[in-house]
Amino acid sequence: MKIIMLGAPGAGKGTQAKQIADKYQIPHISTGDIFRANIKEGTELGKKAKTFMDQGELVPDELTVALVADRIVKEDCKNGFVLDGFPRTIPQAEALDKTLEEMGEKMDYAIDVDVPDENIVNRMGGRRACVNCGATYHIVSIPTKVEGICDDCGSGLILREDDKPETVQKRLSVYHEQTQPLIEYYGGQGILKTVDGTRPMKNVFEDIIRILGA
């Protein structure tokens, strides 16, 4: 079962991807993890990716696709995988399709976790992260026992730059411009399924399981 998770930043697709991977015993693949693993192992692709990342630039499509292609041919992907955060653009999606075609494979599902922008801004604005251990909370849905203090290590919490409303709005603009066209792309292939991401996480996961038919 080969699945792509779609959705705006903060829609909760990463959480759902991990749960799907656990339930079906297939790898959860995020481009960030692939970059880090290749850099750590010192592979040729990893070295190339690092030169872009060190300069604060996005890793080019061609290199990102090569890294993903290298990952999905590994033995643990023979029963499928969940892609999280890739593809982000139509050229990436087309390159992924071409790679899979060469392997005699194709994607089975593209699941869009749909959440309105307004909900995402509110949701991410309520996130808090521990300055020491990195644990994350939410002032409404996952509050700490003592306000502003991490349950795990007792350090203070902060609102990260990434979660500030103005930053979230920018990230959403990029998403709508670059990534949302993928919804039409996979809709055209007949593999797009949409779930209501405003529902509790447990219900969203149940909706996804129903779509996957198990």
N, C-alpha and C. Protein backbone atom coordinates (compact mmCIF):
# COMPACT_ATOMS: atom_id res chain seq x y z
N MET A 1 0.84 -1.18 0.00
CA MET A 1 0.00 0.00 0.00
C MET A 1 0.89 1.25 0.00
N LYS A 2 0.81 2.00 -1.09
CA LYS A 2 1.67 3.18 -1.24
C LYS A 2 0.80 4.43 -1.12
N ILE A 3 1.10 5.22 -0.09
CA ILE A 3 0.23 6.34 0.28
C ILE A 3 1.01 7.64 0.32
N ILE A 4 0.39 8.71 -0.19
CA ILE A 4 0.94 10.06 -0.07
C ILE A 4 0.02 10.83 0.87
N MET A 5 0.60 11.52 1.85
CA MET A 5 -0.19 12.37 2.75
C MET A 5 -0.10 13.82 2.28
N LEU A 6 -1.25 14.44 2.05
CA LEU A 6 -1.31 15.85 1.64
C LEU A 6 -2.00 16.66 2.73
N GLY A 7 -1.74 17.95 2.73
CA GLY A 7 -2.38 18.82 3.72
C GLY A 7 -1.47 19.99 4.04
N ALA A 8 -2.06 21.07 4.47
CA ALA A 8 -1.30 22.28 4.79
C ALA A 8 -0.42 22.05 6.02
N PRO A 9 0.62 22.91 6.22
CA PRO A 9 1.42 22.80 7.45
C PRO A 9 0.50 22.95 8.66
N GLY A 10 0.64 22.04 9.61
CA GLY A 10 -0.20 22.13 10.81
C GLY A 10 -1.53 21.40 10.69
N ALA A 11 -1.77 20.75 9.54
CA ALA A 11 -3.05 20.02 9.36
C ALA A 11 -3.06 18.70 10.12
N GLY A 12 -1.87 18.24 10.52
CA GLY A 12 -1.79 16.99 11.28
C GLY A 12 -1.45 15.77 10.44
N LYS A 13 -0.99 16.01 9.20
CA LYS A 13 -0.72 14.86 8.31
C LYS A 13 0.45 14.00 8.80
N GLY A 14 1.45 14.64 9.46
CA GLY A 14 2.60 13.89 9.97
C GLY A 14 2.19 12.89 11.05
N THR A 15 1.32 13.34 11.95
CA THR A 15 0.82 12.48 13.03
C THR A 15 0.06 11.29 12.44
N GLN A 16 -0.80 11.58 11.45
CA GLN A 16 -1.58 10.52 10.83
C GLN A 16 -0.68 9.56 10.07
N ALA A 17 0.34 10.10 9.40
CA ALA A 17 1.27 9.25 8.63
C ALA A 17 1.97 8.25 9.55
N LYS A 18 2.40 8.71 10.73
CA LYS A 18 3.07 7.82 11.69
C LYS A 18 2.12 6.70 12.13
N GLN A 19 0.86 7.06 12.40
CA GLN A 19 -0.11 6.06 12.86
C GLN A 19 -0.42 5.03 11.77
N ILE A 20 -0.52 5.50 10.54
CA ILE A 20 -0.77 4.59 9.40
C ILE A 20 0.41 3.62 9.27
N ALA A 21 1.63 4.18 9.34
CA ALA A 21 2.84 3.35 9.22
C ALA A 21 2.87 2.28 10.31
N ASP A 22 2.52 2.66 11.54
CA ASP A 22 2.50 1.69 12.66
C ASP A 22 1.46 0.61 12.43
N LYS A 23 0.27 1.01 12.01
CA LYS A 23 -0.83 0.04 11.85
C LYS A 23 -0.54 -0.98 10.75
N TYR A 24 -0.02 -0.50 9.62
CA TYR A 24 0.20 -1.38 8.47
C TYR A 24 1.63 -1.90 8.36
N GLN A 25 2.47 -1.55 9.36
CA GLN A 25 3.86 -2.02 9.39
C GLN A 25 4.61 -1.70 8.09
N ILE A 26 4.45 -0.43 7.67
CA ILE A 26 5.18 0.05 6.49
C ILE A 26 5.96 1.31 6.89
N PRO A 27 7.04 1.63 6.19
CA PRO A 27 7.86 2.78 6.60
C PRO A 27 7.14 4.12 6.43
N HIS A 28 7.37 5.00 7.39
CA HIS A 28 6.91 6.40 7.31
C HIS A 28 8.09 7.18 6.77
N ILE A 29 7.95 7.72 5.57
CA ILE A 29 9.08 8.36 4.91
C ILE A 29 8.85 9.87 4.78
N SER A 30 9.71 10.64 5.44
CA SER A 30 9.66 12.10 5.27
C SER A 30 10.98 12.53 4.64
N THR A 31 10.91 13.55 3.79
CA THR A 31 12.14 13.99 3.11
C THR A 31 13.18 14.46 4.12
N GLY A 32 12.73 15.11 5.19
CA GLY A 32 13.67 15.57 6.23
C GLY A 32 14.48 14.42 6.79
N ASP A 33 13.80 13.29 7.08
CA ASP A 33 14.48 12.10 7.61
C ASP A 33 15.48 11.54 6.60
N ILE A 34 15.05 11.53 5.32
CA ILE A 34 15.93 11.00 4.26
C ILE A 34 17.19 11.86 4.14
N PHE A 35 17.00 13.19 4.14
CA PHE A 35 18.16 14.10 4.05
C PHE A 35 19.12 13.83 5.21
N ARG A 36 18.55 13.79 6.43
CA ARG A 36 19.40 13.61 7.62
C ARG A 36 20.16 12.27 7.57
N ALA A 37 19.45 11.20 7.18
CA ALA A 37 20.07 9.87 7.13
C ALA A 37 21.22 9.83 6.12
N ASN A 38 21.00 10.42 4.95
CA ASN A 38 22.04 10.40 3.91
C ASN A 38 23.24 11.27 4.29
N ILE A 39 22.96 12.39 4.96
CA ILE A 39 24.05 13.26 5.40
C ILE A 39 24.88 12.54 6.47
N LYS A 40 24.17 11.90 7.40
CA LYS A 40 24.85 11.16 8.49
C LYS A 40 25.71 10.03 7.92
N GLU A 41 25.17 9.32 6.91
CA GLU A 41 25.90 8.19 6.32
C GLU A 41 26.98 8.65 5.33
N GLY A 42 26.98 9.96 5.00
CA GLY A 42 27.99 10.50 4.09
C GLY A 42 27.86 10.01 2.66
N THR A 43 26.62 9.69 2.22
CA THR A 43 26.43 9.23 0.83
C THR A 43 26.67 10.40 -0.13
N GLU A 44 26.87 10.06 -1.42
CA GLU A 44 27.09 11.11 -2.43
C GLU A 44 25.88 12.05 -2.49
N LEU A 45 24.67 11.44 -2.48
CA LEU A 45 23.45 12.25 -2.54
C LEU A 45 23.35 13.13 -1.29
N GLY A 46 23.73 12.56 -0.14
CA GLY A 46 23.69 13.31 1.12
C GLY A 46 24.63 14.51 1.10
N LYS A 47 25.83 14.29 0.54
CA LYS A 47 26.82 15.40 0.46
C LYS A 47 26.27 16.54 -0.41
N LYS A 48 25.63 16.15 -1.52
CA LYS A 48 25.06 17.17 -2.42
C LYS A 48 23.94 17.93 -1.71
N ALA A 49 23.07 17.20 -1.02
CA ALA A 49 21.95 17.84 -0.31
C ALA A 49 22.48 18.80 0.75
N LYS A 50 23.55 18.39 1.44
CA LYS A 50 24.10 19.20 2.53
C LYS A 50 24.60 20.56 2.04
N THR A 51 25.17 20.59 0.82
CA THR A 51 25.70 21.86 0.32
C THR A 51 24.57 22.89 0.17
N PHE A 52 23.39 22.42 -0.24
CA PHE A 52 22.24 23.34 -0.37
C PHE A 52 21.70 23.73 1.01
N MET A 53 21.56 22.72 1.88
CA MET A 53 20.98 22.97 3.21
C MET A 53 21.86 23.90 4.04
N ASP A 54 23.19 23.76 3.91
CA ASP A 54 24.11 24.60 4.66
C ASP A 54 24.00 26.07 4.25
N GLN A 55 23.55 26.29 3.01
CA GLN A 55 23.39 27.67 2.54
C GLN A 55 21.96 28.19 2.74
N GLY A 56 21.15 27.35 3.44
CA GLY A 56 19.77 27.76 3.71
C GLY A 56 18.89 27.70 2.49
N GLU A 57 19.31 26.93 1.47
CA GLU A 57 18.52 26.82 0.24
C GLU A 57 17.73 25.52 0.22
N LEU A 58 16.64 25.51 -0.57
CA LEU A 58 15.87 24.28 -0.74
C LEU A 58 16.67 23.30 -1.59
N VAL A 59 16.58 22.02 -1.25
CA VAL A 59 17.25 21.00 -2.05
C VAL A 59 16.49 20.91 -3.39
N PRO A 60 17.18 21.00 -4.54
CA PRO A 60 16.48 20.99 -5.83
C PRO A 60 15.64 19.73 -6.05
N ASP A 61 14.60 19.87 -6.85
CA ASP A 61 13.67 18.75 -7.13
C ASP A 61 14.41 17.49 -7.57
N GLU A 62 15.32 17.66 -8.52
CA GLU A 62 16.02 16.51 -9.11
C GLU A 62 16.72 15.68 -8.03
N LEU A 63 17.38 16.38 -7.10
CA LEU A 63 18.12 15.71 -6.03
C LEU A 63 17.15 15.11 -5.00
N THR A 64 16.09 15.84 -4.67
CA THR A 64 15.10 15.33 -3.72
C THR A 64 14.47 14.05 -4.25
N VAL A 65 14.09 14.07 -5.53
CA VAL A 65 13.47 12.89 -6.16
C VAL A 65 14.45 11.71 -6.15
N ALA A 66 15.73 11.99 -6.44
CA ALA A 66 16.74 10.92 -6.44
C ALA A 66 16.86 10.29 -5.05
N LEU A 67 16.83 11.12 -4.00
CA LEU A 67 16.93 10.62 -2.62
C LEU A 67 15.70 9.77 -2.26
N VAL A 68 14.51 10.24 -2.67
CA VAL A 68 13.28 9.49 -2.38
C VAL A 68 13.29 8.16 -3.16
N ALA A 69 13.69 8.23 -4.44
CA ALA A 69 13.73 7.02 -5.27
C ALA A 69 14.68 5.98 -4.66
N ASP A 70 15.82 6.46 -4.15
CA ASP A 70 16.79 5.58 -3.51
C ASP A 70 16.20 4.92 -2.26
N ARG A 71 15.33 5.67 -1.57
CA ARG A 71 14.73 5.15 -0.32
C ARG A 71 13.63 4.11 -0.58
N ILE A 72 12.79 4.39 -1.60
CA ILE A 72 11.61 3.51 -1.78
C ILE A 72 11.93 2.17 -2.46
N VAL A 73 13.18 2.02 -2.94
CA VAL A 73 13.54 0.72 -3.52
C VAL A 73 14.13 -0.22 -2.45
N LYS A 74 14.28 0.28 -1.22
CA LYS A 74 14.85 -0.55 -0.16
C LYS A 74 13.86 -1.66 0.24
N GLU A 75 14.42 -2.73 0.79
CA GLU A 75 13.66 -3.94 1.11
C GLU A 75 12.44 -3.68 2.00
N ASP A 76 12.58 -2.75 2.98
CA ASP A 76 11.47 -2.54 3.92
C ASP A 76 10.26 -1.85 3.26
N CYS A 77 10.42 -1.40 2.00
CA CYS A 77 9.31 -0.73 1.30
C CYS A 77 8.56 -1.68 0.37
N LYS A 78 8.91 -2.98 0.41
CA LYS A 78 8.32 -3.89 -0.57
C LYS A 78 6.80 -4.03 -0.40
N ASN A 79 6.30 -3.81 0.84
CA ASN A 79 4.84 -3.90 1.06
C ASN A 79 4.17 -2.52 1.04
N GLY A 80 4.96 -1.49 0.73
CA GLY A 80 4.40 -0.15 0.67
C GLY A 80 5.11 0.83 1.58
N PHE A 81 4.61 2.07 1.61
CA PHE A 81 5.21 3.14 2.42
C PHE A 81 4.23 4.31 2.48
N VAL A 82 4.48 5.20 3.44
CA VAL A 82 3.70 6.43 3.57
C VAL A 82 4.64 7.60 3.34
N LEU A 83 4.36 8.41 2.33
CA LEU A 83 5.18 9.59 2.05
C LEU A 83 4.58 10.81 2.75
N ASP A 84 5.41 11.51 3.50
CA ASP A 84 4.95 12.66 4.29
C ASP A 84 5.84 13.87 3.95
N GLY A 85 5.24 14.89 3.34
CA GLY A 85 6.02 16.08 2.97
C GLY A 85 6.66 15.98 1.59
N PHE A 86 6.30 14.96 0.85
CA PHE A 86 6.77 14.79 -0.52
C PHE A 86 5.71 14.00 -1.29
N PRO A 87 5.41 14.34 -2.53
CA PRO A 87 5.90 15.49 -3.28
C PRO A 87 5.25 16.79 -2.81
N ARG A 88 5.96 17.91 -3.05
CA ARG A 88 5.44 19.23 -2.68
C ARG A 88 4.98 20.03 -3.90
N THR A 89 5.44 19.60 -5.07
CA THR A 89 5.13 20.35 -6.30
C THR A 89 4.74 19.36 -7.40
N ILE A 90 4.11 19.89 -8.46
CA ILE A 90 3.73 19.05 -9.60
C ILE A 90 4.96 18.38 -10.25
N PRO A 91 6.07 19.14 -10.51
CA PRO A 91 7.24 18.46 -11.10
C PRO A 91 7.74 17.29 -10.24
N GLN A 92 7.71 17.45 -8.90
CA GLN A 92 8.12 16.34 -8.02
C GLN A 92 7.17 15.16 -8.18
N ALA A 93 5.87 15.45 -8.26
CA ALA A 93 4.86 14.38 -8.39
C ALA A 93 5.05 13.63 -9.70
N GLU A 94 5.33 14.38 -10.77
CA GLU A 94 5.53 13.74 -12.08
C GLU A 94 6.79 12.88 -12.08
N ALA A 95 7.83 13.39 -11.43
CA ALA A 95 9.09 12.62 -11.35
C ALA A 95 8.90 11.35 -10.51
N LEU A 96 8.11 11.45 -9.45
CA LEU A 96 7.83 10.28 -8.60
C LEU A 96 7.05 9.23 -9.41
N ASP A 97 6.04 9.68 -10.16
CA ASP A 97 5.25 8.75 -10.99
C ASP A 97 6.15 8.02 -11.99
N LYS A 98 7.08 8.78 -12.59
CA LYS A 98 7.99 8.21 -13.59
C LYS A 98 8.89 7.14 -12.94
N THR A 99 9.40 7.47 -11.74
CA THR A 99 10.26 6.53 -11.01
C THR A 99 9.50 5.25 -10.69
N LEU A 100 8.27 5.40 -10.20
CA LEU A 100 7.45 4.23 -9.85
C LEU A 100 7.11 3.40 -11.09
N GLU A 101 6.82 4.11 -12.18
CA GLU A 101 6.49 3.43 -13.44
C GLU A 101 7.64 2.53 -13.88
N GLU A 102 8.86 3.06 -13.73
CA GLU A 102 10.05 2.29 -14.11
C GLU A 102 10.20 1.04 -13.24
N MET A 103 9.63 1.09 -12.03
CA MET A 103 9.67 -0.06 -11.11
C MET A 103 8.46 -0.96 -11.32
N GLY A 104 7.55 -0.54 -12.24
CA GLY A 104 6.32 -1.30 -12.47
C GLY A 104 5.31 -1.10 -11.34
N GLU A 105 5.40 0.06 -10.66
CA GLU A 105 4.53 0.36 -9.51
C GLU A 105 3.79 1.67 -9.74
N LYS A 106 2.82 1.94 -8.88
CA LYS A 106 2.16 3.26 -8.88
C LYS A 106 1.61 3.54 -7.49
N MET A 107 1.31 4.80 -7.20
CA MET A 107 0.75 5.17 -5.90
C MET A 107 -0.69 4.62 -5.81
N ASP A 108 -1.09 4.25 -4.59
CA ASP A 108 -2.45 3.73 -4.39
C ASP A 108 -3.41 4.82 -3.89
N TYR A 109 -2.94 5.64 -2.96
CA TYR A 109 -3.80 6.68 -2.37
C TYR A 109 -3.05 7.98 -2.15
N ALA A 110 -3.74 9.09 -2.35
CA ALA A 110 -3.26 10.40 -1.91
C ALA A 110 -4.33 10.91 -0.95
N ILE A 111 -3.99 11.02 0.32
CA ILE A 111 -4.97 11.40 1.34
C ILE A 111 -4.75 12.85 1.76
N ASP A 112 -5.76 13.67 1.53
CA ASP A 112 -5.69 15.09 1.87
C ASP A 112 -6.36 15.33 3.22
N VAL A 113 -5.55 15.75 4.20
CA VAL A 113 -6.10 16.11 5.52
C VAL A 113 -6.50 17.59 5.42
N ASP A 114 -7.78 17.82 5.25
CA ASP A 114 -8.29 19.15 4.92
C ASP A 114 -8.64 19.96 6.18
N VAL A 115 -7.96 21.09 6.35
CA VAL A 115 -8.22 21.98 7.48
C VAL A 115 -8.21 23.42 6.96
N PRO A 116 -9.26 24.22 7.25
CA PRO A 116 -9.26 25.62 6.79
C PRO A 116 -8.09 26.41 7.39
N ASP A 117 -7.61 27.41 6.63
CA ASP A 117 -6.46 28.22 7.07
C ASP A 117 -6.66 28.80 8.47
N GLU A 118 -7.86 29.31 8.71
CA GLU A 118 -8.15 29.97 9.99
C GLU A 118 -7.90 29.01 11.17
N ASN A 119 -8.36 27.75 11.00
CA ASN A 119 -8.15 26.74 12.05
C ASN A 119 -6.66 26.48 12.26
N ILE A 120 -5.90 26.46 11.15
CA ILE A 120 -4.47 26.17 11.25
C ILE A 120 -3.74 27.28 11.99
N VAL A 121 -4.07 28.53 11.67
CA VAL A 121 -3.43 29.67 12.35
C VAL A 121 -3.71 29.60 13.85
N ASN A 122 -4.96 29.31 14.23
CA ASN A 122 -5.32 29.19 15.65
C ASN A 122 -4.62 28.00 16.31
N ARG A 123 -4.61 26.90 15.58
CA ARG A 123 -4.02 25.66 16.10
C ARG A 123 -2.53 25.83 16.36
N MET A 124 -1.82 26.38 15.37
CA MET A 124 -0.36 26.51 15.51
C MET A 124 0.02 27.62 16.47
N GLY A 125 -0.82 28.65 16.55
CA GLY A 125 -0.56 29.74 17.49
C GLY A 125 -0.67 29.29 18.94
N GLY A 126 -1.35 28.15 19.16
CA GLY A 126 -1.50 27.61 20.52
C GLY A 126 -0.41 26.62 20.89
N ARG A 127 0.47 26.31 19.96
CA ARG A 127 1.55 25.36 20.25
C ARG A 127 2.61 26.01 21.13
N ARG A 128 3.19 25.21 22.01
CA ARG A 128 4.31 25.67 22.84
C ARG A 128 5.37 24.58 22.86
N ALA A 129 6.63 24.99 22.82
CA ALA A 129 7.74 24.02 22.81
C ALA A 129 8.66 24.29 23.99
N CYS A 130 9.19 23.21 24.55
CA CYS A 130 10.12 23.34 25.67
C CYS A 130 11.48 23.81 25.15
N VAL A 131 12.04 24.83 25.83
CA VAL A 131 13.34 25.37 25.39
C VAL A 131 14.48 24.38 25.64
N ASN A 132 14.26 23.43 26.54
CA ASN A 132 15.32 22.50 26.92
C ASN A 132 15.23 21.16 26.19
N CYS A 133 14.10 20.44 26.36
CA CYS A 133 14.03 19.07 25.81
C CYS A 133 13.26 18.98 24.50
N GLY A 134 12.61 20.09 24.07
CA GLY A 134 11.92 20.09 22.78
C GLY A 134 10.52 19.51 22.79
N ALA A 135 10.05 19.05 23.98
CA ALA A 135 8.67 18.51 24.05
C ALA A 135 7.68 19.57 23.60
N THR A 136 6.60 19.14 22.91
CA THR A 136 5.62 20.12 22.42
C THR A 136 4.27 19.93 23.09
N TYR A 137 3.60 21.04 23.28
CA TYR A 137 2.28 21.07 23.94
C TYR A 137 1.35 21.99 23.15
N HIS A 138 0.11 22.04 23.60
CA HIS A 138 -0.85 23.00 23.03
C HIS A 138 -1.69 23.55 24.17
N ILE A 139 -1.85 24.89 24.19
CA ILE A 139 -2.51 25.51 25.34
C ILE A 139 -3.97 25.05 25.51
N VAL A 140 -4.57 24.52 24.42
CA VAL A 140 -5.95 24.04 24.53
C VAL A 140 -6.02 22.52 24.57
N SER A 141 -5.43 21.87 23.54
CA SER A 141 -5.60 20.41 23.42
C SER A 141 -4.60 19.57 24.21
N ILE A 142 -3.37 20.09 24.41
CA ILE A 142 -2.38 19.33 25.21
C ILE A 142 -1.73 20.29 26.20
N PRO A 143 -2.48 20.79 27.19
CA PRO A 143 -1.88 21.75 28.12
C PRO A 143 -0.91 21.07 29.09
N THR A 144 0.00 21.87 29.65
CA THR A 144 0.92 21.35 30.67
C THR A 144 0.19 21.40 32.02
N LYS A 145 0.71 20.63 32.98
CA LYS A 145 0.09 20.61 34.33
C LYS A 145 0.21 21.99 34.97
N VAL A 146 1.40 22.61 34.78
CA VAL A 146 1.61 23.97 35.28
C VAL A 146 1.81 24.87 34.06
N GLU A 147 1.05 25.94 33.97
CA GLU A 147 1.09 26.80 32.79
C GLU A 147 2.50 27.32 32.50
N GLY A 148 2.94 27.10 31.25
CA GLY A 148 4.24 27.62 30.82
C GLY A 148 5.44 26.81 31.24
N ILE A 149 5.19 25.66 31.91
CA ILE A 149 6.30 24.82 32.39
C ILE A 149 6.19 23.42 31.80
N CYS A 150 7.30 22.90 31.27
CA CYS A 150 7.32 21.57 30.65
C CYS A 150 7.07 20.47 31.70
N ASP A 151 6.15 19.56 31.37
CA ASP A 151 5.85 18.43 32.27
C ASP A 151 7.05 17.50 32.42
N ASP A 152 7.87 17.38 31.35
CA ASP A 152 8.96 16.40 31.35
C ASP A 152 10.19 16.85 32.12
N CYS A 153 10.60 18.14 31.90
CA CYS A 153 11.87 18.54 32.51
C CYS A 153 11.78 19.81 33.36
N GLY A 154 10.60 20.44 33.40
CA GLY A 154 10.43 21.61 34.26
C GLY A 154 10.97 22.91 33.71
N SER A 155 11.41 22.90 32.43
CA SER A 155 11.91 24.14 31.82
C SER A 155 10.76 24.98 31.27
N GLY A 156 11.09 26.20 30.83
CA GLY A 156 10.07 27.10 30.29
C GLY A 156 9.67 26.72 28.87
N LEU A 157 8.48 27.20 28.46
CA LEU A 157 7.98 26.94 27.11
C LEU A 157 7.99 28.22 26.29
N ILE A 158 8.12 28.05 24.97
CA ILE A 158 8.09 29.22 24.07
C ILE A 158 7.15 28.96 22.89
N LEU A 159 6.73 30.05 22.26
CA LEU A 159 6.02 29.98 20.98
C LEU A 159 7.11 30.10 19.91
N ARG A 160 7.32 29.02 19.13
CA ARG A 160 8.39 29.03 18.13
C ARG A 160 8.08 30.01 17.00
N GLU A 161 9.16 30.51 16.37
CA GLU A 161 9.02 31.42 15.22
C GLU A 161 8.09 30.83 14.17
N ASP A 162 8.29 29.53 13.91
CA ASP A 162 7.50 28.81 12.89
C ASP A 162 6.01 28.84 13.16
N ASP A 163 5.64 28.97 14.45
CA ASP A 163 4.23 28.89 14.84
C ASP A 163 3.57 30.25 15.03
N LYS A 164 4.33 31.34 14.85
CA LYS A 164 3.74 32.67 14.99
C LYS A 164 2.80 32.94 13.82
N PRO A 165 1.65 33.62 14.08
CA PRO A 165 0.64 33.80 13.03
C PRO A 165 1.17 34.32 11.71
N GLU A 166 2.09 35.31 11.76
CA GLU A 166 2.59 35.88 10.49
C GLU A 166 3.42 34.85 9.70
N THR A 167 4.19 34.01 10.44
CA THR A 167 4.99 32.97 9.77
C THR A 167 4.08 31.89 9.19
N VAL A 168 3.05 31.52 9.97
CA VAL A 168 2.10 30.49 9.52
C VAL A 168 1.40 30.96 8.24
N GLN A 169 1.01 32.23 8.20
CA GLN A 169 0.34 32.77 7.01
C GLN A 169 1.25 32.66 5.79
N LYS A 170 2.54 32.95 5.98
CA LYS A 170 3.49 32.85 4.86
C LYS A 170 3.60 31.41 4.38
N ARG A 171 3.69 30.49 5.34
CA ARG A 171 3.81 29.07 4.99
C ARG A 171 2.56 28.58 4.26
N LEU A 172 1.40 29.09 4.68
CA LEU A 172 0.15 28.71 4.02
C LEU A 172 0.09 29.25 2.60
N SER A 173 0.61 30.47 2.40
CA SER A 173 0.63 31.06 1.05
C SER A 173 1.47 30.20 0.11
N VAL A 174 2.64 29.76 0.60
CA VAL A 174 3.52 28.90 -0.20
C VAL A 174 2.80 27.58 -0.51
N TYR A 175 2.13 27.03 0.51
CA TYR A 175 1.39 25.77 0.34
C TYR A 175 0.33 25.90 -0.76
N HIS A 176 -0.48 26.97 -0.68
CA HIS A 176 -1.56 27.14 -1.66
C HIS A 176 -1.02 27.32 -3.07
N GLU A 177 0.11 27.99 -3.16
CA GLU A 177 0.69 28.27 -4.48
C GLU A 177 1.35 27.02 -5.08
N GLN A 178 2.14 26.30 -4.26
CA GLN A 178 2.95 25.21 -4.80
C GLN A 178 2.34 23.82 -4.64
N THR A 179 1.74 23.58 -3.46
CA THR A 179 1.36 22.22 -3.11
C THR A 179 -0.10 21.90 -3.37
N GLN A 180 -0.98 22.88 -3.21
CA GLN A 180 -2.40 22.59 -3.40
C GLN A 180 -2.73 22.06 -4.81
N PRO A 181 -2.00 22.52 -5.87
CA PRO A 181 -2.27 21.94 -7.19
C PRO A 181 -2.16 20.41 -7.23
N LEU A 182 -1.43 19.82 -6.25
CA LEU A 182 -1.31 18.35 -6.19
C LEU A 182 -2.67 17.71 -5.95
N ILE A 183 -3.56 18.43 -5.27
CA ILE A 183 -4.89 17.89 -4.99
C ILE A 183 -5.62 17.63 -6.31
N GLU A 184 -5.51 18.59 -7.23
CA GLU A 184 -6.11 18.40 -8.56
C GLU A 184 -5.38 17.30 -9.33
N TYR A 185 -4.06 17.29 -9.21
CA TYR A 185 -3.24 16.31 -9.93
C TYR A 185 -3.65 14.87 -9.56
N TYR A 186 -3.73 14.61 -8.24
CA TYR A 186 -4.08 13.26 -7.80
C TYR A 186 -5.58 12.98 -7.95
N GLY A 187 -6.37 14.04 -7.90
CA GLY A 187 -7.81 13.89 -8.18
C GLY A 187 -8.00 13.39 -9.60
N GLY A 188 -7.20 13.94 -10.52
CA GLY A 188 -7.26 13.53 -11.93
C GLY A 188 -6.85 12.08 -12.13
N GLN A 189 -6.02 11.56 -11.22
CA GLN A 189 -5.59 10.16 -11.31
C GLN A 189 -6.59 9.22 -10.64
N GLY A 190 -7.57 9.82 -9.94
CA GLY A 190 -8.59 9.00 -9.28
C GLY A 190 -8.14 8.36 -7.97
N ILE A 191 -7.02 8.86 -7.39
CA ILE A 191 -6.55 8.23 -6.14
C ILE A 191 -6.69 9.17 -4.93
N LEU A 192 -7.24 10.37 -5.17
CA LEU A 192 -7.36 11.34 -4.07
C LEU A 192 -8.53 11.02 -3.15
N LYS A 193 -8.28 11.03 -1.85
CA LYS A 193 -9.32 10.88 -0.83
C LYS A 193 -9.15 12.03 0.16
N THR A 194 -10.25 12.64 0.59
CA THR A 194 -10.18 13.78 1.50
C THR A 194 -10.81 13.42 2.84
N VAL A 195 -10.13 13.81 3.93
CA VAL A 195 -10.70 13.62 5.27
C VAL A 195 -10.78 14.98 5.95
N ASP A 196 -11.74 15.11 6.86
CA ASP A 196 -11.95 16.37 7.59
C ASP A 196 -10.97 16.44 8.75
N GLY A 197 -9.91 17.25 8.57
CA GLY A 197 -8.86 17.35 9.58
C GLY A 197 -9.21 18.19 10.79
N THR A 198 -10.43 18.78 10.80
CA THR A 198 -10.84 19.56 11.97
C THR A 198 -11.40 18.65 13.07
N ARG A 199 -11.68 17.39 12.72
CA ARG A 199 -12.20 16.44 13.72
C ARG A 199 -11.06 16.00 14.65
N PRO A 200 -11.41 15.44 15.83
CA PRO A 200 -10.35 14.95 16.72
C PRO A 200 -9.45 13.96 16.00
N MET A 201 -8.16 13.93 16.38
CA MET A 201 -7.16 13.10 15.70
C MET A 201 -7.59 11.64 15.57
N LYS A 202 -8.20 11.14 16.65
CA LYS A 202 -8.65 9.73 16.67
C LYS A 202 -9.68 9.49 15.56
N ASN A 203 -10.62 10.43 15.39
CA ASN A 203 -11.66 10.29 14.36
C ASN A 203 -11.08 10.41 12.96
N VAL A 204 -10.11 11.31 12.80
CA VAL A 204 -9.47 11.47 11.49
C VAL A 204 -8.79 10.15 11.11
N PHE A 205 -8.10 9.54 12.06
CA PHE A 205 -7.42 8.26 11.81
C PHE A 205 -8.43 7.17 11.44
N GLU A 206 -9.55 7.13 12.15
CA GLU A 206 -10.60 6.15 11.84
C GLU A 206 -11.13 6.35 10.41
N ASP A 207 -11.29 7.62 10.02
CA ASP A 207 -11.77 7.93 8.66
C ASP A 207 -10.77 7.41 7.61
N ILE A 208 -9.47 7.59 7.92
CA ILE A 208 -8.42 7.15 6.98
C ILE A 208 -8.44 5.63 6.86
N ILE A 209 -8.58 4.95 8.00
CA ILE A 209 -8.58 3.47 8.00
C ILE A 209 -9.76 2.96 7.16
N ARG A 210 -10.91 3.64 7.27
CA ARG A 210 -12.07 3.25 6.45
C ARG A 210 -11.75 3.36 4.97
N ILE A 211 -11.07 4.46 4.59
CA ILE A 211 -10.69 4.67 3.19
C ILE A 211 -9.75 3.56 2.72
N LEU A 212 -8.80 3.20 3.58
CA LEU A 212 -7.81 2.18 3.21
C LEU A 212 -8.40 0.77 3.23
N GLY A 213 -9.60 0.67 3.78
CA GLY A 213 -10.34 -0.59 3.72
C GLY A 213 -9.86 -1.66 4.66
N ALA A 214 -9.43 -1.26 5.86
CA ALA A 214 -9.01 -2.26 6.84
C ALA A 214 -9.10 -1.69 8.24
